[in-house]
Amino acid sequence: MNTNKSNGKKYTNEDFADALLELKEKSALSYMQIAIKSGLSDTYLVNIVKRKNLAPKDENIEKIAKALGVDPEYFFEYRLRRLVDFINLNREYLNEFLDHVEIKGKKEKRII
């Protein structure tokens, strides 16, 4: 997908509300236009930016990303969920790794 609307950035570390507002402003689209392109309501989008709603579930992030011309991975929350999925799928290996990790020169207890 095209990420040019985000000034060429492949991703942002902003929270979802700030990232959505920034992309909205850069694209010069109204909430109604984004709503039509994404199939979501303009009220829902406004409530995200006003922080009345949390970051959307992945399927809605994907719709918003497509409407704004970026990959879903542009959004921090989407990438974070992929990381959590990866950790959950590889928990056994992560535990082995953490058993051998030293933090600040001191062996730490396993946290998972």
PDB file of N, CA and C in Angstrom:
ATOM      1  N   MET A   1       0.815  -1.188   0.000  1.00  0.00           N
ATOM      2  CA  MET A   1       0.000   0.000   0.000  1.00  0.00           C
ATOM      3  C   MET A   1       0.859   1.251   0.000  1.00  0.00           C
ATOM      4  N   ASN A   2       0.264   2.332  -0.379  1.00  0.00           N
ATOM      5  CA  ASN A   2       0.958   3.607  -0.453  1.00  0.00           C
ATOM      6  C   ASN A   2       1.078   4.234   0.928  1.00  0.00           C
ATOM      7  N   THR A   3       2.278   4.638   1.293  1.00  0.00           N
ATOM      8  CA  THR A   3       2.467   5.325   2.569  1.00  0.00           C
ATOM      9  C   THR A   3       2.873   6.779   2.354  1.00  0.00           C
ATOM     10  N   ASN A   4       2.734   7.279   1.134  1.00  0.00           N
ATOM     11  CA  ASN A   4       3.158   8.649   0.845  1.00  0.00           C
ATOM     12  C   ASN A   4       2.386   9.691   1.634  1.00  0.00           C
ATOM     13  N   LYS A   5       1.150   9.438   1.975  1.00  0.00           N
ATOM     14  CA  LYS A   5       0.358  10.407   2.715  1.00  0.00           C
ATOM     15  C   LYS A   5       0.910  10.634   4.110  1.00  0.00           C
ATOM     16  N   SER A   6       1.732   9.736   4.580  1.00  0.00           N
ATOM     17  CA  SER A   6       2.327   9.883   5.906  1.00  0.00           C
ATOM     18  C   SER A   6       3.758  10.410   5.787  1.00  0.00           C
ATOM     19  N   ASN A   7       4.012  11.168   4.726  1.00  0.00           N
ATOM     20  CA  ASN A   7       5.343  11.727   4.466  1.00  0.00           C
ATOM     21  C   ASN A   7       6.398  10.650   4.311  1.00  0.00           C
ATOM     22  N   GLY A   8       6.002   9.507   3.750  1.00  0.00           N
ATOM     23  CA  GLY A   8       6.951   8.443   3.487  1.00  0.00           C
ATOM     24  C   GLY A   8       7.269   7.570   4.686  1.00  0.00           C
ATOM     25  N   LYS A   9       6.738   7.903   5.861  1.00  0.00           N
ATOM     26  CA  LYS A   9       6.996   7.083   7.041  1.00  0.00           C
ATOM     27  C   LYS A   9       6.262   5.756   6.894  1.00  0.00           C
ATOM     28  N   LYS A  10       6.940   4.684   7.250  1.00  0.00           N
ATOM     29  CA  LYS A  10       6.310   3.373   7.194  1.00  0.00           C
ATOM     30  C   LYS A  10       5.453   3.121   8.424  1.00  0.00           C
ATOM     31  N   TYR A  11       5.760   3.805   9.518  1.00  0.00           N
ATOM     32  CA  TYR A  11       4.987   3.603  10.740  1.00  0.00           C
ATOM     33  C   TYR A  11       5.130   4.807  11.649  1.00  0.00           C
ATOM     34  N   THR A  12       4.256   4.861  12.648  1.00  0.00           N
ATOM     35  CA  THR A  12       4.306   5.920  13.636  1.00  0.00           C
ATOM     36  C   THR A  12       4.337   5.312  15.030  1.00  0.00           C
ATOM     37  N   ASN A  13       4.886   6.051  15.966  1.00  0.00           N
ATOM     38  CA  ASN A  13       4.859   5.638  17.364  1.00  0.00           C
ATOM     39  C   ASN A  13       3.817   6.417  18.152  1.00  0.00           C
ATOM     40  N   GLU A  14       3.071   7.271  17.451  1.00  0.00           N
ATOM     41  CA  GLU A  14       1.993   8.032  18.088  1.00  0.00           C
ATOM     42  C   GLU A  14       0.879   7.071  18.495  1.00  0.00           C
ATOM     43  N   ASP A  15       0.084   7.474  19.494  1.00  0.00           N
ATOM     44  CA  ASP A  15      -1.061   6.624  19.807  1.00  0.00           C
ATOM     45  C   ASP A  15      -2.087   6.756  18.679  1.00  0.00           C
ATOM     46  N   PHE A  16      -3.038   5.846  18.654  1.00  0.00           N
ATOM     47  CA  PHE A  16      -3.931   5.748  17.502  1.00  0.00           C
ATOM     48  C   PHE A  16      -4.670   7.051  17.239  1.00  0.00           C
ATOM     49  N   ALA A  17      -5.189   7.681  18.282  1.00  0.00           N
ATOM     50  CA  ALA A  17      -5.947   8.916  18.109  1.00  0.00           C
ATOM     51  C   ALA A  17      -5.099   9.996  17.433  1.00  0.00           C
ATOM     52  N   ASP A  18      -3.879  10.187  17.912  1.00  0.00           N
ATOM     53  CA  ASP A  18      -2.998  11.203  17.330  1.00  0.00           C
ATOM     54  C   ASP A  18      -2.610  10.850  15.898  1.00  0.00           C
ATOM     55  N   ALA A  19      -2.333   9.572  15.658  1.00  0.00           N
ATOM     56  CA  ALA A  19      -1.947   9.136  14.315  1.00  0.00           C
ATOM     57  C   ALA A  19      -3.096   9.321  13.336  1.00  0.00           C
ATOM     58  N   LEU A  20      -4.304   8.975  13.764  1.00  0.00           N
ATOM     59  CA  LEU A  20      -5.470   9.147  12.905  1.00  0.00           C
ATOM     60  C   LEU A  20      -5.688  10.617  12.571  1.00  0.00           C
ATOM     61  N   LEU A  21      -5.617  11.473  13.573  1.00  0.00           N
ATOM     62  CA  LEU A  21      -5.800  12.908  13.338  1.00  0.00           C
ATOM     63  C   LEU A  21      -4.736  13.455  12.401  1.00  0.00           C
ATOM     64  N   GLU A  22      -3.493  13.049  12.606  1.00  0.00           N
ATOM     65  CA  GLU A  22      -2.405  13.511  11.746  1.00  0.00           C
ATOM     66  C   GLU A  22      -2.625  13.088  10.290  1.00  0.00           C
ATOM     67  N   LEU A  23      -2.989  11.831  10.087  1.00  0.00           N
ATOM     68  CA  LEU A  23      -3.233  11.345   8.728  1.00  0.00           C
ATOM     69  C   LEU A  23      -4.442  12.026   8.108  1.00  0.00           C
ATOM     70  N   LYS A  24      -5.462  12.264   8.908  1.00  0.00           N
ATOM     71  CA  LYS A  24      -6.654  12.962   8.419  1.00  0.00           C
ATOM     72  C   LYS A  24      -6.283  14.349   7.915  1.00  0.00           C
ATOM     73  N   GLU A  25      -5.496  15.054   8.703  1.00  0.00           N
ATOM     74  CA  GLU A  25      -5.093  16.411   8.320  1.00  0.00           C
ATOM     75  C   GLU A  25      -4.203  16.405   7.085  1.00  0.00           C
ATOM     76  N   LYS A  26      -3.266  15.477   7.014  1.00  0.00           N
ATOM     77  CA  LYS A  26      -2.366  15.411   5.861  1.00  0.00           C
ATOM     78  C   LYS A  26      -3.092  15.021   4.580  1.00  0.00           C
ATOM     79  N   SER A  27      -4.117  14.199   4.732  1.00  0.00           N
ATOM     80  CA  SER A  27      -4.857  13.757   3.546  1.00  0.00           C
ATOM     81  C   SER A  27      -5.907  14.770   3.112  1.00  0.00           C
ATOM     82  N   ALA A  28      -6.207  15.736   3.975  1.00  0.00           N
ATOM     83  CA  ALA A  28      -7.236  16.744   3.720  1.00  0.00           C
ATOM     84  C   ALA A  28      -8.616  16.112   3.519  1.00  0.00           C
ATOM     85  N   LEU A  29      -8.821  14.955   4.137  1.00  0.00           N
ATOM     86  CA  LEU A  29     -10.125  14.305   4.084  1.00  0.00           C
ATOM     87  C   LEU A  29     -10.920  14.677   5.331  1.00  0.00           C
ATOM     88  N   SER A  30     -12.225  14.754   5.176  1.00  0.00           N
ATOM     89  CA  SER A  30     -13.093  14.986   6.329  1.00  0.00           C
ATOM     90  C   SER A  30     -13.370  13.649   7.004  1.00  0.00           C
ATOM     91  N   TYR A  31     -13.908  13.714   8.212  1.00  0.00           N
ATOM     92  CA  TYR A  31     -14.297  12.480   8.884  1.00  0.00           C
ATOM     93  C   TYR A  31     -15.334  11.733   8.052  1.00  0.00           C
ATOM     94  N   MET A  32     -16.250  12.474   7.432  1.00  0.00           N
ATOM     95  CA  MET A  32     -17.278  11.846   6.615  1.00  0.00           C
ATOM     96  C   MET A  32     -16.660  11.123   5.416  1.00  0.00           C
ATOM     97  N   GLN A  33     -15.664  11.729   4.797  1.00  0.00           N
ATOM     98  CA  GLN A  33     -15.002  11.081   3.656  1.00  0.00           C
ATOM     99  C   GLN A  33     -14.274   9.809   4.090  1.00  0.00           C
ATOM    100  N   ILE A  34     -13.600   9.871   5.220  1.00  0.00           N
ATOM    101  CA  ILE A  34     -12.905   8.682   5.740  1.00  0.00           C
ATOM    102  C   ILE A  34     -13.940   7.618   6.103  1.00  0.00           C
ATOM    103  N   ALA A  35     -15.047   8.049   6.688  1.00  0.00           N
ATOM    104  CA  ALA A  35     -16.108   7.117   7.062  1.00  0.00           C
ATOM    105  C   ALA A  35     -16.653   6.404   5.831  1.00  0.00           C
ATOM    106  N   ILE A  36     -16.911   7.133   4.780  1.00  0.00           N
ATOM    107  CA  ILE A  36     -17.433   6.531   3.553  1.00  0.00           C
ATOM    108  C   ILE A  36     -16.419   5.551   2.966  1.00  0.00           C
ATOM    109  N   LYS A  37     -15.159   5.953   2.929  1.00  0.00           N
ATOM    110  CA  LYS A  37     -14.115   5.084   2.367  1.00  0.00           C
ATOM    111  C   LYS A  37     -13.868   3.842   3.216  1.00  0.00           C
ATOM    112  N   SER A  38     -14.076   3.952   4.527  1.00  0.00           N
ATOM    113  CA  SER A  38     -13.773   2.840   5.431  1.00  0.00           C
ATOM    114  C   SER A  38     -14.991   1.989   5.774  1.00  0.00           C
ATOM    115  N   GLY A  39     -16.161   2.533   5.553  1.00  0.00           N
ATOM    116  CA  GLY A  39     -17.373   1.819   5.938  1.00  0.00           C
ATOM    117  C   GLY A  39     -17.689   1.945   7.423  1.00  0.00           C
ATOM    118  N   LEU A  40     -17.027   2.863   8.101  1.00  0.00           N
ATOM    119  CA  LEU A  40     -17.263   3.121   9.519  1.00  0.00           C
ATOM    120  C   LEU A  40     -18.000   4.453   9.649  1.00  0.00           C
ATOM    121  N   SER A  41     -18.539   4.728  10.811  1.00  0.00           N
ATOM    122  CA  SER A  41     -19.266   5.990  10.966  1.00  0.00           C
ATOM    123  C   SER A  41     -18.322   7.138  11.289  1.00  0.00           C
ATOM    124  N   ASP A  42     -18.716   8.330  10.861  1.00  0.00           N
ATOM    125  CA  ASP A  42     -17.903   9.506  11.159  1.00  0.00           C
ATOM    126  C   ASP A  42     -17.897   9.787  12.657  1.00  0.00           C
ATOM    127  N   THR A  43     -18.998   9.505  13.346  1.00  0.00           N
ATOM    128  CA  THR A  43     -19.066   9.695  14.803  1.00  0.00           C
ATOM    129  C   THR A  43     -18.055   8.784  15.497  1.00  0.00           C
ATOM    130  N   TYR A  44     -17.952   7.556  15.035  1.00  0.00           N
ATOM    131  CA  TYR A  44     -16.986   6.606  15.591  1.00  0.00           C
ATOM    132  C   TYR A  44     -15.563   7.148  15.444  1.00  0.00           C
ATOM    133  N   LEU A  45     -15.235   7.665  14.267  1.00  0.00           N
ATOM    134  CA  LEU A  45     -13.894   8.205  14.016  1.00  0.00           C
ATOM    135  C   LEU A  45     -13.620   9.423  14.893  1.00  0.00           C
ATOM    136  N   VAL A  46     -14.596  10.319  15.005  1.00  0.00           N
ATOM    137  CA  VAL A  46     -14.439  11.505  15.853  1.00  0.00           C
ATOM    138  C   VAL A  46     -14.231  11.086  17.305  1.00  0.00           C
ATOM    139  N   ASN A  47     -14.991  10.084  17.753  1.00  0.00           N
ATOM    140  CA  ASN A  47     -14.852   9.623  19.139  1.00  0.00           C
ATOM    141  C   ASN A  47     -13.493   8.992  19.412  1.00  0.00           C
ATOM    142  N   ILE A  48     -12.890   8.392  18.403  1.00  0.00           N
ATOM    143  CA  ILE A  48     -11.530   7.876  18.574  1.00  0.00           C
ATOM    144  C   ILE A  48     -10.568   9.033  18.805  1.00  0.00           C
ATOM    145  N   VAL A  49     -10.661  10.049  17.958  1.00  0.00           N
ATOM    146  CA  VAL A  49      -9.759  11.202  18.065  1.00  0.00           C
ATOM    147  C   VAL A  49      -9.983  11.953  19.380  1.00  0.00           C
ATOM    148  N   LYS A  50     -11.224  12.012  19.841  1.00  0.00           N
ATOM    149  CA  LYS A  50     -11.534  12.679  21.117  1.00  0.00           C
ATOM    150  C   LYS A  50     -11.253  11.776  22.315  1.00  0.00           C
ATOM    151  N   ARG A  51     -10.768  10.562  22.024  1.00  0.00           N
ATOM    152  CA  ARG A  51     -10.422   9.573  23.049  1.00  0.00           C
ATOM    153  C   ARG A  51     -11.625   9.107  23.863  1.00  0.00           C
ATOM    154  N   LYS A  52     -12.787   9.141  23.239  1.00  0.00           N
ATOM    155  CA  LYS A  52     -13.983   8.563  23.859  1.00  0.00           C
ATOM    156  C   LYS A  52     -14.045   7.071  23.560  1.00  0.00           C
ATOM    157  N   ASN A  53     -13.350   6.642  22.517  1.00  0.00           N
ATOM    158  CA  ASN A  53     -13.211   5.230  22.161  1.00  0.00           C
ATOM    159  C   ASN A  53     -11.735   4.880  22.190  1.00  0.00           C
ATOM    160  N   LEU A  54     -11.438   3.640  22.553  1.00  0.00           N
ATOM    161  CA  LEU A  54     -10.065   3.159  22.508  1.00  0.00           C
ATOM    162  C   LEU A  54      -9.669   2.888  21.061  1.00  0.00           C
ATOM    163  N   ALA A  55      -8.428   2.502  20.861  1.00  0.00           N
ATOM    164  CA  ALA A  55      -7.986   2.122  19.523  1.00  0.00           C
ATOM    165  C   ALA A  55      -8.898   1.012  19.015  1.00  0.00           C
ATOM    166  N   PRO A  56      -9.266   1.082  17.756  1.00  0.00           N
ATOM    167  CA  PRO A  56     -10.198   0.087  17.209  1.00  0.00           C
ATOM    168  C   PRO A  56      -9.598  -1.308  17.147  1.00  0.00           C
ATOM    169  N   LYS A  57     -10.484  -2.275  16.983  1.00  0.00           N
ATOM    170  CA  LYS A  57     -10.017  -3.641  16.768  1.00  0.00           C
ATOM    171  C   LYS A  57      -9.322  -3.693  15.409  1.00  0.00           C
ATOM    172  N   ASP A  58      -8.552  -4.745  15.205  1.00  0.00           N
ATOM    173  CA  ASP A  58      -7.707  -4.842  14.008  1.00  0.00           C
ATOM    174  C   ASP A  58      -8.465  -4.669  12.700  1.00  0.00           C
ATOM    175  N   GLU A  59      -9.639  -5.272  12.586  1.00  0.00           N
ATOM    176  CA  GLU A  59     -10.362  -5.171  11.311  1.00  0.00           C
ATOM    177  C   GLU A  59     -10.743  -3.722  11.000  1.00  0.00           C
ATOM    178  N   ASN A  60     -11.029  -2.932  12.023  1.00  0.00           N
ATOM    179  CA  ASN A  60     -11.346  -1.526  11.788  1.00  0.00           C
ATOM    180  C   ASN A  60     -10.088  -0.699  11.523  1.00  0.00           C
ATOM    181  N   ILE A  61      -8.983  -1.062  12.169  1.00  0.00           N
ATOM    182  CA  ILE A  61      -7.715  -0.397  11.846  1.00  0.00           C
ATOM    183  C   ILE A  61      -7.381  -0.643  10.381  1.00  0.00           C
ATOM    184  N   GLU A  62      -7.605  -1.851   9.908  1.00  0.00           N
ATOM    185  CA  GLU A  62      -7.327  -2.174   8.509  1.00  0.00           C
ATOM    186  C   GLU A  62      -8.198  -1.337   7.565  1.00  0.00           C
ATOM    187  N   LYS A  63      -9.461  -1.140   7.916  1.00  0.00           N
ATOM    188  CA  LYS A  63     -10.361  -0.326   7.094  1.00  0.00           C
ATOM    189  C   LYS A  63      -9.924   1.141   7.085  1.00  0.00           C
ATOM    190  N   ILE A  64      -9.562   1.651   8.250  1.00  0.00           N
ATOM    191  CA  ILE A  64      -9.122   3.045   8.358  1.00  0.00           C
ATOM    192  C   ILE A  64      -7.814   3.241   7.599  1.00  0.00           C
ATOM    193  N   ALA A  65      -6.905   2.307   7.756  1.00  0.00           N
ATOM    194  CA  ALA A  65      -5.614   2.397   7.057  1.00  0.00           C
ATOM    195  C   ALA A  65      -5.822   2.431   5.546  1.00  0.00           C
ATOM    196  N   LYS A  66      -6.670   1.551   5.044  1.00  0.00           N
ATOM    197  CA  LYS A  66      -6.938   1.516   3.598  1.00  0.00           C
ATOM    198  C   LYS A  66      -7.539   2.839   3.140  1.00  0.00           C
ATOM    199  N   ALA A  67      -8.470   3.373   3.912  1.00  0.00           N
ATOM    200  CA  ALA A  67      -9.109   4.640   3.558  1.00  0.00           C
ATOM    201  C   ALA A  67      -8.102   5.790   3.518  1.00  0.00           C
ATOM    202  N   LEU A  68      -7.071   5.707   4.357  1.00  0.00           N
ATOM    203  CA  LEU A  68      -6.076   6.776   4.443  1.00  0.00           C
ATOM    204  C   LEU A  68      -4.818   6.493   3.618  1.00  0.00           C
ATOM    205  N   GLY A  69      -4.784   5.348   2.949  1.00  0.00           N
ATOM    206  CA  GLY A  69      -3.665   5.042   2.057  1.00  0.00           C
ATOM    207  C   GLY A  69      -2.383   4.629   2.738  1.00  0.00           C
ATOM    208  N   VAL A  70      -2.506   3.993   3.914  1.00  0.00           N
ATOM    209  CA  VAL A  70      -1.328   3.480   4.616  1.00  0.00           C
ATOM    210  C   VAL A  70      -1.560   2.009   4.931  1.00  0.00           C
ATOM    211  N   ASP A  71      -0.486   1.315   5.271  1.00  0.00           N
ATOM    212  CA  ASP A  71      -0.608  -0.064   5.731  1.00  0.00           C
ATOM    213  C   ASP A  71      -1.124  -0.061   7.168  1.00  0.00           C
ATOM    214  N   PRO A  72      -1.842  -1.091   7.583  1.00  0.00           N
ATOM    215  CA  PRO A  72      -2.286  -1.156   8.983  1.00  0.00           C
ATOM    216  C   PRO A  72      -1.118  -1.098   9.956  1.00  0.00           C
ATOM    217  N   GLU A  73       0.036  -1.633   9.522  1.00  0.00           N
ATOM    218  CA  GLU A  73       1.236  -1.616  10.374  1.00  0.00           C
ATOM    219  C   GLU A  73       1.733  -0.202  10.655  1.00  0.00           C
ATOM    220  N   TYR A  74       1.218   0.776   9.946  1.00  0.00           N
ATOM    221  CA  TYR A  74       1.567   2.171  10.221  1.00  0.00           C
ATOM    222  C   TYR A  74       1.223   2.512  11.672  1.00  0.00           C
ATOM    223  N   PHE A  75       0.136   1.927  12.170  1.00  0.00           N
ATOM    224  CA  PHE A  75      -0.354   2.259  13.502  1.00  0.00           C
ATOM    225  C   PHE A  75       0.329   1.410  14.567  1.00  0.00           C
ATOM    226  N   PHE A  76       0.790   2.070  15.616  1.00  0.00           N
ATOM    227  CA  PHE A  76       1.516   1.422  16.708  1.00  0.00           C
ATOM    228  C   PHE A  76       0.708   0.286  17.335  1.00  0.00           C
ATOM    229  N   GLU A  77      -0.570   0.543  17.593  1.00  0.00           N
ATOM    230  CA  GLU A  77      -1.399  -0.466  18.256  1.00  0.00           C
ATOM    231  C   GLU A  77      -1.502  -1.746  17.429  1.00  0.00           C
ATOM    232  N   TYR A  78      -1.553  -1.613  16.126  1.00  0.00           N
ATOM    233  CA  TYR A  78      -1.628  -2.782  15.247  1.00  0.00           C
ATOM    234  C   TYR A  78      -0.335  -3.590  15.339  1.00  0.00           C
ATOM    235  N   ARG A  79       0.805  -2.882  15.295  1.00  0.00           N
ATOM    236  CA  ARG A  79       2.102  -3.569  15.408  1.00  0.00           C
ATOM    237  C   ARG A  79       2.255  -4.210  16.779  1.00  0.00           C
ATOM    238  N   LEU A  80       1.812  -3.532  17.806  1.00  0.00           N
ATOM    239  CA  LEU A  80       1.909  -4.066  19.167  1.00  0.00           C
ATOM    240  C   LEU A  80       1.111  -5.359  19.294  1.00  0.00           C
ATOM    241  N   ARG A  81      -0.057  -5.406  18.715  1.00  0.00           N
ATOM    242  CA  ARG A  81      -0.862  -6.633  18.758  1.00  0.00           C
ATOM    243  C   ARG A  81      -0.173  -7.772  18.022  1.00  0.00           C
ATOM    244  N   ARG A  82       0.517  -7.473  16.931  1.00  0.00           N
ATOM    245  CA  ARG A  82       1.259  -8.522  16.215  1.00  0.00           C
ATOM    246  C   ARG A  82       2.389  -9.049  17.098  1.00  0.00           C
ATOM    247  N   LEU A  83       3.039  -8.157  17.833  1.00  0.00           N
ATOM    248  CA  LEU A  83       4.120  -8.564  18.736  1.00  0.00           C
ATOM    249  C   LEU A  83       3.581  -9.453  19.845  1.00  0.00           C
ATOM    250  N   VAL A  84       2.467  -9.095  20.429  1.00  0.00           N
ATOM    251  CA  VAL A  84       1.861  -9.912  21.483  1.00  0.00           C
ATOM    252  C   VAL A  84       1.483 -11.280  20.923  1.00  0.00           C
ATOM    253  N   ASP A  85       0.927 -11.321  19.729  1.00  0.00           N
ATOM    254  CA  ASP A  85       0.602 -12.605  19.088  1.00  0.00           C
ATOM    255  C   ASP A  85       1.863 -13.445  18.919  1.00  0.00           C
ATOM    256  N   PHE A  86       2.936 -12.822  18.460  1.00  0.00           N
ATOM    257  CA  PHE A  86       4.203 -13.528  18.262  1.00  0.00           C
ATOM    258  C   PHE A  86       4.727 -14.086  19.579  1.00  0.00           C
ATOM    259  N   ILE A  87       4.683 -13.274  20.613  1.00  0.00           N
ATOM    260  CA  ILE A  87       5.164 -13.713  21.927  1.00  0.00           C
ATOM    261  C   ILE A  87       4.335 -14.892  22.421  1.00  0.00           C
ATOM    262  N   ASN A  88       3.030 -14.799  22.272  1.00  0.00           N
ATOM    263  CA  ASN A  88       2.173 -15.897  22.720  1.00  0.00           C
ATOM    264  C   ASN A  88       2.441 -17.188  21.954  1.00  0.00           C
ATOM    265  N   LEU A  89       2.721 -17.067  20.666  1.00  0.00           N
ATOM    266  CA  LEU A  89       3.007 -18.249  19.864  1.00  0.00           C
ATOM    267  C   LEU A  89       4.378 -18.846  20.174  1.00  0.00           C
ATOM    268  N   ASN A  90       5.266 -18.035  20.712  1.00  0.00           N
ATOM    269  CA  ASN A  90       6.647 -18.470  20.966  1.00  0.00           C
ATOM    270  C   ASN A  90       7.012 -18.398  22.440  1.00  0.00           C
ATOM    271  N   ARG A  91       6.041 -18.540  23.280  1.00  0.00           N
ATOM    272  CA  ARG A  91       6.238 -18.408  24.726  1.00  0.00           C
ATOM    273  C   ARG A  91       7.317 -19.351  25.247  1.00  0.00           C
ATOM    274  N   GLU A  92       7.336 -20.572  24.766  1.00  0.00           N
ATOM    275  CA  GLU A  92       8.324 -21.557  25.220  1.00  0.00           C
ATOM    276  C   GLU A  92       9.756 -21.082  24.948  1.00  0.00           C
ATOM    277  N   TYR A  93       9.987 -20.547  23.768  1.00  0.00           N
ATOM    278  CA  TYR A  93      11.326 -20.058  23.409  1.00  0.00           C
ATOM    279  C   TYR A  93      11.671 -18.784  24.169  1.00  0.00           C
ATOM    280  N   LEU A  94      10.671 -17.958  24.378  1.00  0.00           N
ATOM    281  CA  LEU A  94      10.895 -16.726  25.125  1.00  0.00           C
ATOM    282  C   LEU A  94      11.292 -17.045  26.559  1.00  0.00           C
ATOM    283  N   ASN A  95      10.641 -18.020  27.161  1.00  0.00           N
ATOM    284  CA  ASN A  95      10.995 -18.398  28.527  1.00  0.00           C
ATOM    285  C   ASN A  95      12.432 -18.895  28.607  1.00  0.00           C
ATOM    286  N   GLU A  96      12.849 -19.704  27.641  1.00  0.00           N
ATOM    287  CA  GLU A  96      14.238 -20.180  27.610  1.00  0.00           C
ATOM    288  C   GLU A  96      15.205 -19.008  27.478  1.00  0.00           C
ATOM    289  N   PHE A  97      14.875 -18.080  26.619  1.00  0.00           N
ATOM    290  CA  PHE A  97      15.709 -16.898  26.425  1.00  0.00           C
ATOM    291  C   PHE A  97      15.802 -16.095  27.717  1.00  0.00           C
ATOM    292  N   LEU A  98      14.665 -15.857  28.363  1.00  0.00           N
ATOM    293  CA  LEU A  98      14.655 -15.046  29.576  1.00  0.00           C
ATOM    294  C   LEU A  98      15.404 -15.713  30.722  1.00  0.00           C
ATOM    295  N   ASP A  99      15.465 -17.040  30.717  1.00  0.00           N
ATOM    296  CA  ASP A  99      16.230 -17.749  31.739  1.00  0.00           C
ATOM    297  C   ASP A  99      17.717 -17.414  31.667  1.00  0.00           C
ATOM    298  N   HIS A 100      18.170 -16.986  30.496  1.00  0.00           N
ATOM    299  CA  HIS A 100      19.592 -16.723  30.294  1.00  0.00           C
ATOM    300  C   HIS A 100      19.938 -15.245  30.163  1.00  0.00           C
ATOM    301  N   VAL A 101      18.956 -14.399  30.253  1.00  0.00           N
ATOM    302  CA  VAL A 101      19.186 -12.963  30.091  1.00  0.00           C
ATOM    303  C   VAL A 101      19.708 -12.365  31.389  1.00  0.00           C
ATOM    304  N   GLU A 102      20.688 -11.526  31.239  1.00  0.00           N
ATOM    305  CA  GLU A 102      21.178 -10.766  32.382  1.00  0.00           C
ATOM    306  C   GLU A 102      20.814  -9.309  32.166  1.00  0.00           C
ATOM    307  N   ILE A 103      20.250  -8.728  33.183  1.00  0.00           N
ATOM    308  CA  ILE A 103      19.871  -7.323  33.110  1.00  0.00           C
ATOM    309  C   ILE A 103      20.717  -6.561  34.114  1.00  0.00           C
ATOM    310  N   LYS A 104      21.455  -5.577  33.602  1.00  0.00           N
ATOM    311  CA  LYS A 104      22.339  -4.757  34.434  1.00  0.00           C
ATOM    312  C   LYS A 104      23.292  -5.613  35.249  1.00  0.00           C
ATOM    313  N   GLY A 105      23.810  -6.660  34.619  1.00  0.00           N
ATOM    314  CA  GLY A 105      24.804  -7.492  35.261  1.00  0.00           C
ATOM    315  C   GLY A 105      24.258  -8.445  36.309  1.00  0.00           C
ATOM    316  N   LYS A 106      22.972  -8.458  36.487  1.00  0.00           N
ATOM    317  CA  LYS A 106      22.362  -9.299  37.511  1.00  0.00           C
ATOM    318  C   LYS A 106      21.313 -10.179  36.848  1.00  0.00           C
ATOM    319  N   LYS A 107      21.362 -11.452  37.119  1.00  0.00           N
ATOM    320  CA  LYS A 107      20.392 -12.381  36.538  1.00  0.00           C
ATOM    321  C   LYS A 107      19.028 -12.106  37.165  1.00  0.00           C
ATOM    322  N   GLU A 108      18.048 -11.876  36.309  1.00  0.00           N
ATOM    323  CA  GLU A 108      16.696 -11.580  36.766  1.00  0.00           C
ATOM    324  C   GLU A 108      15.841 -12.831  36.748  1.00  0.00           C
ATOM    325  N   LYS A 109      14.836 -12.856  37.584  1.00  0.00           N
ATOM    326  CA  LYS A 109      13.897 -13.972  37.577  1.00  0.00           C
ATOM    327  C   LYS A 109      13.014 -13.874  36.340  1.00  0.00           C
ATOM    328  N   ARG A 110      12.558 -15.013  35.914  1.00  0.00           N
ATOM    329  CA  ARG A 110      11.684 -15.078  34.750  1.00  0.00           C
ATOM    330  C   ARG A 110      10.398 -14.324  35.053  1.00  0.00           C
ATOM    331  N   ILE A 111       9.915 -13.559  34.081  1.00  0.00           N
ATOM    332  CA  ILE A 111       8.711 -12.766  34.291  1.00  0.00           C
ATOM    333  C   ILE A 111       7.489 -13.361  33.612  1.00  0.00           C
ATOM    334  N   ILE A 112       7.677 -14.401  32.826  1.00  0.00           N
ATOM    335  CA  ILE A 112       6.528 -14.995  32.133  1.00  0.00           C
ATOM    336  C   ILE A 112       6.303 -16.386  32.674  1.00  0.00           C
TER     337      ILE A 112
END
